[in-house]
Amino acid sequence: MNRFAALRSQLTHCHHLTQSSPPGETDLYLQILALRQGFQSQVLPLDARADPALQPILTEINRSLRLLEVDVAFWRSCRQAITQQQRQQQIGARLAQLGQFLEVLSERLGD
């Protein structure tokens, strides 16, 4: 079984919550925090010294996770529908990007 299957499942769940939850919901925010913890425990400890090509990927994952948290916080506080929609799209794009990073890691690690 792929070591990143649980993270992929969390990404999918977060994406569904983004599409179905109103911006004020705390459920998405809590899921994003859980997603970050999952990445920190399963992905970030990977030894980039063994494969130096992993370091930029790990850096981008960490950056994307931080930006995702900021996007969700702003989304939750949006008042105007257009701003909510823009933030929702940004969150979806970041989640998709994290999924792509997982795919690259899986390929590099032979999962």
N, C-alpha and C. Protein backbone atom coordinates (compact mmCIF):
# COMPACT_ATOMS: atom_id res chain seq x y z
N MET A 1 0.84 -1.19 0.00
CA MET A 1 0.00 0.00 0.00
C MET A 1 0.88 1.25 0.00
N ASN A 2 0.46 2.23 -0.68
CA ASN A 2 1.19 3.47 -0.80
C ASN A 2 1.21 4.19 0.55
N ARG A 3 2.38 4.67 0.93
CA ARG A 3 2.51 5.33 2.23
C ARG A 3 1.79 6.67 2.30
N PHE A 4 1.42 7.24 1.15
CA PHE A 4 0.76 8.53 1.12
C PHE A 4 -0.75 8.42 0.87
N ALA A 5 -1.30 7.22 0.93
CA ALA A 5 -2.73 7.03 0.65
C ALA A 5 -3.61 7.82 1.62
N ALA A 6 -3.26 7.84 2.89
CA ALA A 6 -4.06 8.57 3.88
C ALA A 6 -4.03 10.07 3.60
N LEU A 7 -2.86 10.58 3.18
CA LEU A 7 -2.77 12.01 2.86
C LEU A 7 -3.59 12.33 1.62
N ARG A 8 -3.58 11.45 0.64
CA ARG A 8 -4.40 11.66 -0.55
C ARG A 8 -5.88 11.71 -0.18
N SER A 9 -6.27 10.81 0.70
CA SER A 9 -7.66 10.78 1.16
C SER A 9 -8.02 12.07 1.88
N GLN A 10 -7.11 12.57 2.72
CA GLN A 10 -7.35 13.83 3.43
C GLN A 10 -7.45 15.00 2.45
N LEU A 11 -6.59 15.00 1.44
CA LEU A 11 -6.66 16.06 0.41
C LEU A 11 -8.01 16.05 -0.28
N THR A 12 -8.48 14.87 -0.65
CA THR A 12 -9.78 14.75 -1.32
C THR A 12 -10.90 15.24 -0.41
N HIS A 13 -10.85 14.84 0.85
CA HIS A 13 -11.86 15.27 1.82
C HIS A 13 -11.85 16.79 1.98
N CYS A 14 -10.68 17.38 2.08
CA CYS A 14 -10.58 18.84 2.21
C CYS A 14 -11.13 19.53 0.97
N HIS A 15 -10.85 18.98 -0.19
CA HIS A 15 -11.37 19.57 -1.42
C HIS A 15 -12.90 19.53 -1.44
N HIS A 16 -13.48 18.41 -1.01
CA HIS A 16 -14.94 18.31 -0.94
C HIS A 16 -15.52 19.31 0.06
N LEU A 17 -14.85 19.46 1.19
CA LEU A 17 -15.31 20.44 2.19
C LEU A 17 -15.24 21.86 1.65
N THR A 18 -14.22 22.14 0.86
CA THR A 18 -14.09 23.47 0.26
C THR A 18 -15.28 23.76 -0.64
N GLN A 19 -15.72 22.75 -1.37
CA GLN A 19 -16.82 22.93 -2.31
C GLN A 19 -18.18 22.96 -1.64
N SER A 20 -18.30 22.30 -0.48
CA SER A 20 -19.63 22.15 0.12
C SER A 20 -19.86 22.93 1.41
N SER A 21 -18.81 23.43 2.02
CA SER A 21 -18.96 24.11 3.31
C SER A 21 -19.07 25.61 3.13
N PRO A 22 -19.89 26.25 3.96
CA PRO A 22 -19.88 27.71 3.95
C PRO A 22 -18.56 28.20 4.56
N PRO A 23 -18.11 29.38 4.17
CA PRO A 23 -16.80 29.86 4.62
C PRO A 23 -16.60 29.95 6.13
N GLY A 24 -17.63 30.14 6.90
CA GLY A 24 -17.48 30.27 8.34
C GLY A 24 -17.27 28.96 9.08
N GLU A 25 -17.43 27.85 8.38
CA GLU A 25 -17.31 26.54 9.01
C GLU A 25 -15.90 26.31 9.55
N THR A 26 -15.81 25.75 10.73
CA THR A 26 -14.51 25.44 11.30
C THR A 26 -14.04 24.04 10.88
N ASP A 27 -14.93 23.22 10.34
CA ASP A 27 -14.57 21.86 9.97
C ASP A 27 -13.44 21.83 8.95
N LEU A 28 -13.52 22.69 7.93
CA LEU A 28 -12.45 22.72 6.92
C LEU A 28 -11.15 23.16 7.56
N TYR A 29 -11.19 24.16 8.40
CA TYR A 29 -9.98 24.64 9.05
C TYR A 29 -9.33 23.53 9.88
N LEU A 30 -10.15 22.79 10.62
CA LEU A 30 -9.63 21.69 11.42
C LEU A 30 -9.04 20.58 10.54
N GLN A 31 -9.68 20.33 9.40
CA GLN A 31 -9.16 19.31 8.48
C GLN A 31 -7.84 19.76 7.86
N ILE A 32 -7.71 21.05 7.58
CA ILE A 32 -6.45 21.58 7.04
C ILE A 32 -5.34 21.43 8.07
N LEU A 33 -5.66 21.70 9.33
CA LEU A 33 -4.67 21.52 10.39
C LEU A 33 -4.26 20.05 10.50
N ALA A 34 -5.22 19.14 10.41
CA ALA A 34 -4.91 17.71 10.45
C ALA A 34 -4.07 17.31 9.23
N LEU A 35 -4.38 17.89 8.09
CA LEU A 35 -3.61 17.62 6.88
C LEU A 35 -2.17 18.07 7.06
N ARG A 36 -1.99 19.25 7.63
CA ARG A 36 -0.63 19.74 7.86
C ARG A 36 0.12 18.82 8.81
N GLN A 37 -0.54 18.35 9.86
CA GLN A 37 0.10 17.43 10.79
C GLN A 37 0.48 16.13 10.10
N GLY A 38 -0.40 15.66 9.21
CA GLY A 38 -0.09 14.44 8.46
C GLY A 38 1.12 14.62 7.56
N PHE A 39 1.19 15.75 6.89
CA PHE A 39 2.36 16.03 6.05
C PHE A 39 3.62 16.15 6.90
N GLN A 40 3.49 16.80 8.04
CA GLN A 40 4.67 16.98 8.90
C GLN A 40 5.17 15.65 9.46
N SER A 41 4.26 14.74 9.74
CA SER A 41 4.69 13.47 10.32
C SER A 41 5.11 12.44 9.28
N GLN A 42 4.54 12.51 8.06
CA GLN A 42 4.83 11.49 7.06
C GLN A 42 5.75 11.93 5.94
N VAL A 43 5.72 13.21 5.60
CA VAL A 43 6.46 13.67 4.43
C VAL A 43 7.72 14.44 4.82
N LEU A 44 7.60 15.40 5.69
CA LEU A 44 8.74 16.25 6.00
C LEU A 44 9.91 15.51 6.64
N PRO A 45 9.69 14.42 7.37
CA PRO A 45 10.84 13.69 7.91
C PRO A 45 11.66 12.92 6.86
N LEU A 46 11.20 12.89 5.63
CA LEU A 46 11.96 12.18 4.61
C LEU A 46 13.36 12.76 4.52
N ASP A 47 14.33 11.91 4.35
CA ASP A 47 15.72 12.33 4.33
C ASP A 47 16.10 12.86 2.95
N ALA A 48 16.18 14.16 2.83
CA ALA A 48 16.53 14.78 1.55
C ALA A 48 18.01 14.58 1.24
N ARG A 49 18.80 14.19 2.24
CA ARG A 49 20.21 13.95 1.96
C ARG A 49 20.39 12.71 1.10
N ALA A 50 19.50 11.73 1.25
CA ALA A 50 19.58 10.52 0.44
C ALA A 50 19.25 10.82 -1.02
N ASP A 51 18.35 11.75 -1.25
CA ASP A 51 17.99 12.17 -2.61
C ASP A 51 17.85 13.69 -2.58
N PRO A 52 18.89 14.41 -2.98
CA PRO A 52 18.85 15.87 -2.92
C PRO A 52 17.71 16.51 -3.73
N ALA A 53 17.17 15.78 -4.68
CA ALA A 53 16.07 16.33 -5.47
C ALA A 53 14.79 16.44 -4.65
N LEU A 54 14.74 15.78 -3.49
CA LEU A 54 13.56 15.87 -2.62
C LEU A 54 13.47 17.22 -1.90
N GLN A 55 14.60 17.85 -1.64
CA GLN A 55 14.60 19.07 -0.84
C GLN A 55 13.70 20.17 -1.40
N PRO A 56 13.78 20.48 -2.71
CA PRO A 56 12.88 21.52 -3.21
C PRO A 56 11.40 21.14 -3.11
N ILE A 57 11.11 19.87 -3.27
CA ILE A 57 9.73 19.40 -3.18
C ILE A 57 9.23 19.56 -1.74
N LEU A 58 10.05 19.15 -0.79
CA LEU A 58 9.67 19.27 0.62
C LEU A 58 9.50 20.73 1.03
N THR A 59 10.36 21.58 0.51
CA THR A 59 10.26 23.02 0.80
C THR A 59 8.95 23.59 0.25
N GLU A 60 8.62 23.22 -0.97
CA GLU A 60 7.39 23.72 -1.59
C GLU A 60 6.15 23.18 -0.88
N ILE A 61 6.20 21.93 -0.43
CA ILE A 61 5.07 21.38 0.32
C ILE A 61 4.85 22.18 1.60
N ASN A 62 5.92 22.44 2.32
CA ASN A 62 5.81 23.20 3.56
C ASN A 62 5.27 24.60 3.29
N ARG A 63 5.76 25.25 2.25
CA ARG A 63 5.29 26.59 1.89
C ARG A 63 3.82 26.57 1.51
N SER A 64 3.43 25.59 0.71
CA SER A 64 2.03 25.48 0.27
C SER A 64 1.09 25.24 1.45
N LEU A 65 1.53 24.44 2.40
CA LEU A 65 0.70 24.19 3.58
C LEU A 65 0.49 25.45 4.41
N ARG A 66 1.55 26.22 4.57
CA ARG A 66 1.41 27.48 5.32
C ARG A 66 0.47 28.44 4.59
N LEU A 67 0.63 28.55 3.27
CA LEU A 67 -0.23 29.44 2.51
C LEU A 67 -1.67 28.95 2.50
N LEU A 68 -1.86 27.64 2.51
CA LEU A 68 -3.20 27.07 2.55
C LEU A 68 -3.91 27.46 3.85
N GLU A 69 -3.19 27.41 4.95
CA GLU A 69 -3.79 27.82 6.22
C GLU A 69 -4.20 29.29 6.19
N VAL A 70 -3.37 30.14 5.60
CA VAL A 70 -3.70 31.56 5.48
C VAL A 70 -4.92 31.74 4.58
N ASP A 71 -4.95 31.02 3.46
CA ASP A 71 -6.09 31.13 2.55
C ASP A 71 -7.39 30.73 3.24
N VAL A 72 -7.35 29.66 4.02
CA VAL A 72 -8.55 29.20 4.72
C VAL A 72 -8.98 30.23 5.77
N ALA A 73 -8.02 30.80 6.46
CA ALA A 73 -8.35 31.82 7.46
C ALA A 73 -9.01 33.03 6.80
N PHE A 74 -8.47 33.46 5.67
CA PHE A 74 -9.09 34.58 4.95
C PHE A 74 -10.44 34.20 4.39
N TRP A 75 -10.57 32.98 3.89
CA TRP A 75 -11.84 32.51 3.33
C TRP A 75 -12.93 32.54 4.39
N ARG A 76 -12.55 32.12 5.61
CA ARG A 76 -13.52 32.08 6.70
C ARG A 76 -14.01 33.48 7.08
N SER A 77 -13.18 34.49 6.85
CA SER A 77 -13.56 35.84 7.26
C SER A 77 -14.11 36.70 6.12
N CYS A 78 -14.20 36.15 4.93
CA CYS A 78 -14.72 36.92 3.78
C CYS A 78 -16.18 37.29 3.98
N ARG A 79 -16.51 38.48 3.53
CA ARG A 79 -17.89 38.94 3.62
C ARG A 79 -18.56 38.99 2.25
N GLN A 80 -17.78 39.26 1.22
CA GLN A 80 -18.35 39.40 -0.12
C GLN A 80 -18.26 38.07 -0.88
N ALA A 81 -19.31 37.78 -1.63
CA ALA A 81 -19.40 36.51 -2.35
C ALA A 81 -18.27 36.34 -3.36
N ILE A 82 -17.87 37.38 -4.04
CA ILE A 82 -16.81 37.27 -5.05
C ILE A 82 -15.47 36.94 -4.39
N THR A 83 -15.23 37.54 -3.24
CA THR A 83 -13.99 37.26 -2.51
C THR A 83 -14.00 35.82 -1.99
N GLN A 84 -15.15 35.37 -1.50
CA GLN A 84 -15.27 33.99 -1.05
C GLN A 84 -14.98 33.03 -2.19
N GLN A 85 -15.53 33.32 -3.35
CA GLN A 85 -15.32 32.46 -4.51
C GLN A 85 -13.85 32.43 -4.93
N GLN A 86 -13.19 33.58 -4.91
CA GLN A 86 -11.78 33.64 -5.26
C GLN A 86 -10.94 32.83 -4.28
N ARG A 87 -11.21 32.99 -3.01
CA ARG A 87 -10.47 32.23 -1.98
C ARG A 87 -10.75 30.73 -2.11
N GLN A 88 -11.98 30.38 -2.40
CA GLN A 88 -12.35 28.99 -2.58
C GLN A 88 -11.56 28.37 -3.74
N GLN A 89 -11.44 29.11 -4.83
CA GLN A 89 -10.67 28.64 -5.97
C GLN A 89 -9.19 28.52 -5.61
N GLN A 90 -8.67 29.46 -4.86
CA GLN A 90 -7.27 29.42 -4.44
C GLN A 90 -7.00 28.21 -3.55
N ILE A 91 -7.92 27.94 -2.64
CA ILE A 91 -7.77 26.78 -1.77
C ILE A 91 -7.78 25.49 -2.60
N GLY A 92 -8.71 25.40 -3.55
CA GLY A 92 -8.77 24.23 -4.42
C GLY A 92 -7.49 24.04 -5.21
N ALA A 93 -6.91 25.15 -5.69
CA ALA A 93 -5.66 25.09 -6.45
C ALA A 93 -4.51 24.61 -5.57
N ARG A 94 -4.47 25.10 -4.34
CA ARG A 94 -3.39 24.67 -3.42
C ARG A 94 -3.53 23.19 -3.06
N LEU A 95 -4.75 22.74 -2.85
CA LEU A 95 -4.96 21.33 -2.55
C LEU A 95 -4.54 20.46 -3.74
N ALA A 96 -4.87 20.90 -4.95
CA ALA A 96 -4.46 20.16 -6.14
C ALA A 96 -2.94 20.14 -6.27
N GLN A 97 -2.31 21.26 -5.96
CA GLN A 97 -0.85 21.34 -6.02
C GLN A 97 -0.21 20.38 -5.02
N LEU A 98 -0.77 20.31 -3.82
CA LEU A 98 -0.25 19.37 -2.82
C LEU A 98 -0.40 17.93 -3.30
N GLY A 99 -1.51 17.63 -3.98
CA GLY A 99 -1.70 16.31 -4.55
C GLY A 99 -0.64 15.99 -5.60
N GLN A 100 -0.28 16.99 -6.41
CA GLN A 100 0.77 16.79 -7.41
C GLN A 100 2.12 16.56 -6.74
N PHE A 101 2.39 17.28 -5.67
CA PHE A 101 3.63 17.06 -4.94
C PHE A 101 3.69 15.63 -4.39
N LEU A 102 2.56 15.13 -3.89
CA LEU A 102 2.52 13.76 -3.39
C LEU A 102 2.82 12.76 -4.51
N GLU A 103 2.28 13.02 -5.70
CA GLU A 103 2.54 12.14 -6.84
C GLU A 103 4.02 12.12 -7.18
N VAL A 104 4.64 13.28 -7.19
CA VAL A 104 6.07 13.36 -7.50
C VAL A 104 6.87 12.61 -6.44
N LEU A 105 6.52 12.81 -5.18
CA LEU A 105 7.23 12.09 -4.11
C LEU A 105 7.06 10.59 -4.25
N SER A 106 5.86 10.14 -4.57
CA SER A 106 5.62 8.71 -4.75
C SER A 106 6.49 8.15 -5.86
N GLU A 107 6.57 8.90 -6.95
CA GLU A 107 7.40 8.44 -8.07
C GLU A 107 8.88 8.39 -7.68
N ARG A 108 9.35 9.44 -7.00
CA ARG A 108 10.77 9.50 -6.61
C ARG A 108 11.13 8.40 -5.62
N LEU A 109 10.18 8.08 -4.74
CA LEU A 109 10.45 7.09 -3.71
C LEU A 109 10.07 5.67 -4.12
N GLY A 110 9.50 5.52 -5.31
CA GLY A 110 9.15 4.20 -5.81
C GLY A 110 7.94 3.59 -5.17
N ASP A 111 7.02 4.41 -4.70
CA ASP A 111 5.78 3.89 -4.10
C ASP A 111 4.76 3.59 -5.17
